[in-house]
C-alpha atoms as a PDB file:
ATOM      1  CA  LEU A   1     102.092  89.702  55.493  1.00  0.00           C
ATOM      2  CA  PHE A   2     101.838  93.233  54.090  1.00  0.00           C
ATOM      3  CA  ILE A   3      98.375  93.791  55.634  1.00  0.00           C
ATOM      4  CA  THR A   4      99.555  92.382  58.977  1.00  0.00           C
ATOM      5  CA  SER A   5     102.589  94.712  58.932  1.00  0.00           C
ATOM      6  CA  ILE A   6     100.415  97.768  58.188  1.00  0.00           C
ATOM      7  CA  THR A   7      97.941  96.793  60.929  1.00  0.00           C
ATOM      8  CA  LEU A   8     100.710  96.323  63.497  1.00  0.00           C
ATOM      9  CA  PHE A   9     102.325  99.638  62.504  1.00  0.00           C
ATOM     10  CA  ARG A  10      99.017 101.511  62.918  1.00  0.00           C
ATOM     11  CA  LEU A  11      98.340  99.808  66.244  1.00  0.00           C
ATOM     12  CA  ALA A  12     101.825 100.696  67.524  1.00  0.00           C
ATOM     13  CA  SER A  13     101.360 104.319  66.400  1.00  0.00           C
ATOM     14  CA  THR A  14      98.030 104.526  68.207  1.00  0.00           C
ATOM     15  CA  ILE A  15      99.412 103.047  71.424  1.00  0.00           C
ATOM     16  CA  SER A  16     102.541 105.247  71.427  1.00  0.00           C
ATOM     17  CA  SER A  17     100.439 108.377  70.960  1.00  0.00           C
ATOM     18  CA  MET A  18      98.216 107.557  73.942  1.00  0.00           C
ATOM     19  CA  ARG A  19      98.941 109.718  76.938  1.00  0.00           C
ATOM     20  CA  CYS A  20     100.349 107.903  79.950  1.00  0.00           C
ATOM     21  CA  LEU A  21      97.575 109.368  82.114  1.00  0.00           C
ATOM     22  CA  ASP A  22      94.930 107.850  79.881  1.00  0.00           C
ATOM     23  CA  VAL A  23      96.518 104.425  80.234  1.00  0.00           C
ATOM     24  CA  VAL A  24      97.250 104.257  83.967  1.00  0.00           C
ATOM     25  CA  GLU A  25      94.394 106.301  85.454  1.00  0.00           C
ATOM     26  CA  MET A  26      90.642 106.447  85.207  1.00  0.00           C
ATOM     27  CA  PRO A  27      89.328 109.389  83.144  1.00  0.00           C
ATOM     28  CA  SER A  28      89.485 112.825  84.762  1.00  0.00           C
ATOM     29  CA  PRO A  29      88.835 116.297  83.355  1.00  0.00           C
ATOM     30  CA  VAL A  30      92.129 117.496  84.855  1.00  0.00           C
ATOM     31  CA  HIS A  31      94.083 115.285  82.429  1.00  0.00           C
ATOM     32  CA  SER A  32      93.520 117.794  79.640  1.00  0.00           C
ATOM     33  CA  ILE A  33      95.726 120.415  81.318  1.00  0.00           C
ATOM     34  CA  LEU A  34      98.377 118.156  82.823  1.00  0.00           C
ATOM     35  CA  SER A  35     101.650 117.651  81.067  1.00  0.00           C
ATOM     36  CA  ASP A  36     102.820 114.087  80.503  1.00  0.00           C
ATOM     37  CA  GLU A  37     106.249 115.338  81.537  1.00  0.00           C
ATOM     38  CA  LEU A  38     107.174 114.337  85.064  1.00  0.00           C
ATOM     39  CA  THR A  39     109.643 116.420  87.065  1.00  0.00           C
ATOM     40  CA  PRO A  40     112.568 114.777  88.855  1.00  0.00           C
ATOM     41  CA  MET A  41     112.284 115.506  92.568  1.00  0.00           C
ATOM     42  CA  ARG A  42     114.118 114.277  95.631  1.00  0.00           C
ATOM     43  CA  ILE A  43     111.691 113.333  98.389  1.00  0.00           C
ATOM     44  CA  ASP A  44     112.548 115.025 101.690  1.00  0.00           C
ATOM     45  CA  GLY A  45     112.599 111.841 103.712  1.00  0.00           C
ATOM     46  CA  ARG A  46     114.931 113.025 106.448  1.00  0.00           C
ATOM     47  CA  PHE A  47     113.899 111.389 109.680  1.00  0.00           C
ATOM     48  CA  TRP A  48     114.832 113.928 112.357  1.00  0.00           C
ATOM     49  CA  GLU A  49     114.503 117.261 110.577  1.00  0.00           C
ATOM     50  CA  GLU A  50     111.243 119.192 110.407  1.00  0.00           C
ATOM     51  CA  ASN A  51     109.942 120.864 107.264  1.00  0.00           C
ATOM     52  CA  GLU A  52     106.984 122.979 106.216  1.00  0.00           C
ATOM     53  CA  TYR A  53     104.588 120.048 106.734  1.00  0.00           C
ATOM     54  CA  LYS A  54     106.394 117.857 109.266  1.00  0.00           C
ATOM     55  CA  GLY A  55     106.739 118.558 112.941  1.00  0.00           C
ATOM     56  CA  PRO A  56     104.640 119.795 115.825  1.00  0.00           C
ATOM     57  CA  PRO A  57     101.612 121.963 115.064  1.00  0.00           C
ATOM     58  CA  SER A  58     102.078 125.659 114.454  1.00  0.00           C
ATOM     59  CA  PRO A  59     100.005 128.327 112.684  1.00  0.00           C
ATOM     60  CA  GLU A  60     102.498 128.281 109.777  1.00  0.00           C
ATOM     61  CA  ARG A  61     102.391 124.495 109.452  1.00  0.00           C
ATOM     62  CA  ASP A  62      98.576 124.488 109.637  1.00  0.00           C
ATOM     63  CA  ALA A  63      98.440 127.126 106.886  1.00  0.00           C
ATOM     64  CA  ALA A  64     100.735 125.012 104.688  1.00  0.00           C
ATOM     65  CA  TRP A  65      98.544 121.932 105.174  1.00  0.00           C
ATOM     66  CA  ASN A  66      95.336 123.875 104.595  1.00  0.00           C
ATOM     67  CA  ALA A  67      96.756 125.321 101.378  1.00  0.00           C
ATOM     68  CA  LEU A  68      97.174 121.779 100.024  1.00  0.00           C
ATOM     69  CA  THR A  69      93.496 120.912 100.239  1.00  0.00           C
ATOM     70  CA  ASN A  70      91.425 124.022 100.891  1.00  0.00           C
ATOM     71  CA  HIS A  71      89.960 124.944  97.509  1.00  0.00           C
ATOM     72  CA  GLY A  72      86.281 125.509  98.229  1.00  0.00           C
ATOM     73  CA  GLY A  73      85.939 121.848  99.101  1.00  0.00           C
ATOM     74  CA  GLY A  74      87.518 120.921  95.792  1.00  0.00           C
ATOM     75  CA  PHE A  75      84.157 120.094  94.231  1.00  0.00           C
ATOM     76  CA  PHE A  76      83.388 120.495  90.534  1.00  0.00           C
ATOM     77  CA  SER A  77      80.989 119.204  87.929  1.00  0.00           C
ATOM     78  CA  ILE A  78      81.610 116.368  85.471  1.00  0.00           C
ATOM     79  CA  SER A  79      79.578 115.299  82.472  1.00  0.00           C
ATOM     80  CA  GLN A  80      77.586 112.086  82.266  1.00  0.00           C
ATOM     81  CA  GLU A  81      80.163 110.787  79.751  1.00  0.00           C
ATOM     82  CA  THR A  82      83.014 111.342  82.233  1.00  0.00           C
ATOM     83  CA  LEU A  83      80.924 109.796  85.015  1.00  0.00           C
ATOM     84  CA  GLN A  84      80.370 106.662  82.931  1.00  0.00           C
ATOM     85  CA  ALA A  85      83.962 106.502  81.649  1.00  0.00           C
ATOM     86  CA  ALA A  86      85.185 106.648  85.267  1.00  0.00           C
ATOM     87  CA  ASN A  87      82.831 103.773  86.115  1.00  0.00           C
ATOM     88  CA  ALA A  88      81.419 105.931  88.932  1.00  0.00           C
ATOM     89  CA  SER A  89      78.362 105.125  90.997  1.00  0.00           C
ATOM     90  CA  GLU A  90      74.988 105.381  89.290  1.00  0.00           C
ATOM     91  CA  HIS A  91      73.866 107.114  92.485  1.00  0.00           C
ATOM     92  CA  SER A  92      76.252 110.063  92.006  1.00  0.00           C
ATOM     93  CA  ILE A  93      74.704 113.425  92.873  1.00  0.00           C
ATOM     94  CA  GLU A  94      73.244 115.158  89.840  1.00  0.00           C
ATOM     95  CA  LEU A  95      73.655 118.926  90.085  1.00  0.00           C
ATOM     96  CA  PRO A  96      70.789 121.266  89.163  1.00  0.00           C
ATOM     97  CA  ASP A  97      70.920 123.064  85.815  1.00  0.00           C
ATOM     98  CA  SER A  98      70.821 126.380  87.692  1.00  0.00           C
ATOM     99  CA  ILE A  99      74.456 125.825  88.721  1.00  0.00           C
ATOM    100  CA  GLY A 100      75.594 124.241  85.472  1.00  0.00           C
ATOM    101  CA  GLY A 101      74.309 120.678  85.757  1.00  0.00           C
ATOM    102  CA  GLY A 102      76.458 117.578  85.539  1.00  0.00           C
ATOM    103  CA  TYR A 103      77.517 115.423  88.467  1.00  0.00           C
ATOM    104  CA  MET A 104      79.297 116.386  91.690  1.00  0.00           C
ATOM    105  CA  ALA A 105      82.944 115.286  91.774  1.00  0.00           C
ATOM    106  CA  SER A 106      86.322 116.024  93.344  1.00  0.00           C
ATOM    107  CA  LEU A 107      89.871 114.820  92.734  1.00  0.00           C
ATOM    108  CA  GLU A 108      91.087 111.794  94.651  1.00  0.00           C
ATOM    109  CA  VAL A 109      94.314 113.566  95.620  1.00  0.00           C
ATOM    110  CA  THR A 110      92.249 116.093  97.587  1.00  0.00           C
ATOM    111  CA  HIS A 111      90.632 113.290  99.578  1.00  0.00           C
ATOM    112  CA  GLN A 112      93.957 111.500 100.073  1.00  0.00           C
ATOM    113  CA  LEU A 113      95.622 114.654 101.404  1.00  0.00           C
ATOM    114  CA  HIS A 114      92.587 115.257 103.623  1.00  0.00           C
ATOM    115  CA  CYS A 115      93.138 111.761 105.030  1.00  0.00           C
ATOM    116  CA  VAL A 116      96.823 112.393 105.718  1.00  0.00           C
ATOM    117  CA  GLN A 117      95.887 115.673 107.390  1.00  0.00           C
ATOM    118  CA  LEU A 118      93.237 113.910 109.490  1.00  0.00           C
ATOM    119  CA  ILE A 119      95.768 111.317 110.673  1.00  0.00           C
ATOM    120  CA  ARG A 120      98.269 114.112 111.368  1.00  0.00           C
ATOM    121  CA  GLU A 121      95.749 116.037 113.461  1.00  0.00           C
ATOM    122  CA  TRP A 122      94.784 112.859 115.292  1.00  0.00           C
ATOM    123  CA  SER A 123      98.446 112.256 116.142  1.00  0.00           C
ATOM    124  CA  TYR A 124      98.488 115.745 117.739  1.00  0.00           C
ATOM    125  CA  ARG A 125      94.944 115.469 119.124  1.00  0.00           C
ATOM    126  CA  ASP A 126      95.711 117.274 122.389  1.00  0.00           C
ATOM    127  CA  TYR A 127      96.573 120.348 120.322  1.00  0.00           C
ATOM    128  CA  TYR A 128      93.752 120.037 117.775  1.00  0.00           C
ATOM    129  CA  ARG A 129      90.930 118.847 120.036  1.00  0.00           C
ATOM    130  CA  ASN A 130      89.415 122.355 120.294  1.00  0.00           C
ATOM    131  CA  LYS A 131      90.764 123.702 116.997  1.00  0.00           C
ATOM    132  CA  SER A 132      89.870 121.213 114.267  1.00  0.00           C
ATOM    133  CA  ILE A 133      86.446 120.446 112.848  1.00  0.00           C
ATOM    134  CA  ILE A 134      87.225 116.709 112.852  1.00  0.00           C
ATOM    135  CA  PHE A 135      86.883 116.632 116.626  1.00  0.00           C
ATOM    136  CA  TYR A 136      83.284 117.884 116.459  1.00  0.00           C
ATOM    137  CA  ASP A 137      82.237 114.319 115.603  1.00  0.00           C
ATOM    138  CA  SER A 138      81.654 111.684 118.253  1.00  0.00           C
ATOM    139  CA  ASP A 139      84.643 109.518 119.174  1.00  0.00           C
ATOM    140  CA  GLU A 140      82.975 106.589 117.385  1.00  0.00           C
ATOM    141  CA  THR A 141      82.473 108.572 114.159  1.00  0.00           C
ATOM    142  CA  LEU A 142      86.021 109.918 114.342  1.00  0.00           C
ATOM    143  CA  ARG A 143      87.366 106.368 114.765  1.00  0.00           C
ATOM    144  CA  ILE A 144      85.354 105.207 111.722  1.00  0.00           C
ATOM    145  CA  HIS A 145      86.653 108.217 109.746  1.00  0.00           C
ATOM    146  CA  LEU A 146      90.263 107.450 110.708  1.00  0.00           C
ATOM    147  CA  ASP A 147      89.895 103.762 109.834  1.00  0.00           C
ATOM    148  CA  HIS A 148      88.340 104.738 106.491  1.00  0.00           C
ATOM    149  CA  CYS A 149      91.275 107.053 105.738  1.00  0.00           C
ATOM    150  CA  ILE A 150      93.931 104.555 106.776  1.00  0.00           C
ATOM    151  CA  ASP A 151      92.378 101.811 104.664  1.00  0.00           C
ATOM    152  CA  ASN A 152      91.813 104.139 101.704  1.00  0.00           C
ATOM    153  CA  LEU A 153      95.488 105.159 101.758  1.00  0.00           C
ATOM    154  CA  ARG A 154      96.538 101.502 102.123  1.00  0.00           C
ATOM    155  CA  GLN A 155      94.545 100.577  99.030  1.00  0.00           C
ATOM    156  CA  LYS A 156      95.977 103.507  97.045  1.00  0.00           C
ATOM    157  CA  LEU A 157      99.541 102.625  98.016  1.00  0.00           C
ATOM    158  CA  MET A 158      98.994  98.997  97.062  1.00  0.00           C
ATOM    159  CA  CYS A 159      97.301 100.023  93.808  1.00  0.00           C
ATOM    160  CA  ASP A 160     100.242 102.243  92.827  1.00  0.00           C
ATOM    161  CA  SER A 161     102.820  99.778  94.237  1.00  0.00           C
ATOM    162  CA  ASP A 162     105.789 102.150  94.173  1.00  0.00           C
ATOM    163  CA  THR A 163     108.705 100.012  93.039  1.00  0.00           C
ATOM    164  CA  GLY A 164     111.329 102.683  93.703  1.00  0.00           C
ATOM    165  CA  ILE A 165     114.492 101.581  95.459  1.00  0.00           C
ATOM    166  CA  LEU A 166     115.437 102.425  99.047  1.00  0.00           C
ATOM    167  CA  THR A 167     119.119 102.126  99.856  1.00  0.00           C
ATOM    168  CA  TYR A 168     120.579 101.865 103.345  1.00  0.00           C
ATOM    169  CA  VAL A 169     123.321 103.726 105.179  1.00  0.00           C
ATOM    170  CA  TRP A 170     125.172 103.350 108.445  1.00  0.00           C
ATOM    171  CA  ILE A 171     124.433 105.939 111.109  1.00  0.00           C
ATOM    172  CA  LYS A 172     126.981 106.707 113.802  1.00  0.00           C
ATOM    173  CA  ASN A 173     126.114 105.032 117.132  1.00  0.00           C
ATOM    174  CA  ARG A 174     123.458 102.809 115.526  1.00  0.00           C
ATOM    175  CA  SER A 175     123.865  99.052 115.362  1.00  0.00           C
ATOM    176  CA  SER A 176     121.723  98.421 112.288  1.00  0.00           C
ATOM    177  CA  PRO A 177     121.477  99.920 108.783  1.00  0.00           C
ATOM    178  CA  TYR A 178     119.186 102.889 108.310  1.00  0.00           C
ATOM    179  CA  ALA A 179     117.026 103.478 105.215  1.00  0.00           C
ATOM    180  CA  ASP A 180     117.904 106.546 103.148  1.00  0.00           C
ATOM    181  CA  PHE A 181     114.402 107.922 102.549  1.00  0.00           C
ATOM    182  CA  GLY A 182     115.678 110.845 100.444  1.00  0.00           C
ATOM    183  CA  VAL A 183     114.847 109.060  97.204  1.00  0.00           C
ATOM    184  CA  GLN A 184     114.631 110.487  93.700  1.00  0.00           C
ATOM    185  CA  LYS A 185     111.151 110.397  92.129  1.00  0.00           C
ATOM    186  CA  LYS A 186     109.497 111.567  88.939  1.00  0.00           C
ATOM    187  CA  CYS A 187     106.564 113.677  90.043  1.00  0.00           C
ATOM    188  CA  ARG A 188     103.512 115.282  88.570  1.00  0.00           C
ATOM    189  CA  ASN A 189     103.330 119.051  89.064  1.00  0.00           C
ATOM    190  CA  TYR A 190     100.924 119.357  92.020  1.00  0.00           C
ATOM    191  CA  SER A 191     100.682 123.125  91.499  1.00  0.00           C
ATOM    192  CA  GLN A 192      99.151 122.432  88.066  1.00  0.00           C
ATOM    193  CA  VAL A 193      96.554 120.195  89.692  1.00  0.00           C
ATOM    194  CA  GLN A 194      95.764 122.847  92.321  1.00  0.00           C
ATOM    195  CA  GLU A 195      95.464 125.596  89.706  1.00  0.00           C
ATOM    196  CA  TRP A 196      93.012 123.506  87.696  1.00  0.00           C
END
């Protein structure tokens, strides 16, 4: 009984000292600089109002979107140990020693935001047709790219399965309840991720 108690105590100590990131996500070099502390934040889910990212295209809105993802492509090098711990493809690109070696990588959030931006630009395609690099591809390739992004985001949303609560309100002159999308969340500091 004594040995079992000591073993359980040590196991509980080990588990409680594990970082949340290390439990719920695959390994990433950015984990070392991220705080486990999440910041309470109210999502701006207002339906009719525009914000820095939502609304018709404008130079200011494009700059805000580009600032989210435009960090030299967001590519960096990871070690073979990180590659294996992340269960990444054995066909990952190995970088030459002349630029530091390792394997080519990027953060998933960069790709996910790229996908949202792609869908956004597609929804305003008359505006972006001659302004965005995505429209340089053939219509068939663009369709494949869009379908890839939509399905990738679907899988990520299902993987995370946000179990937050939406409540409903009555809106004047509406016959059915309306979801209050301004929900409170606990969020990672995206600026920390960008700075990394």
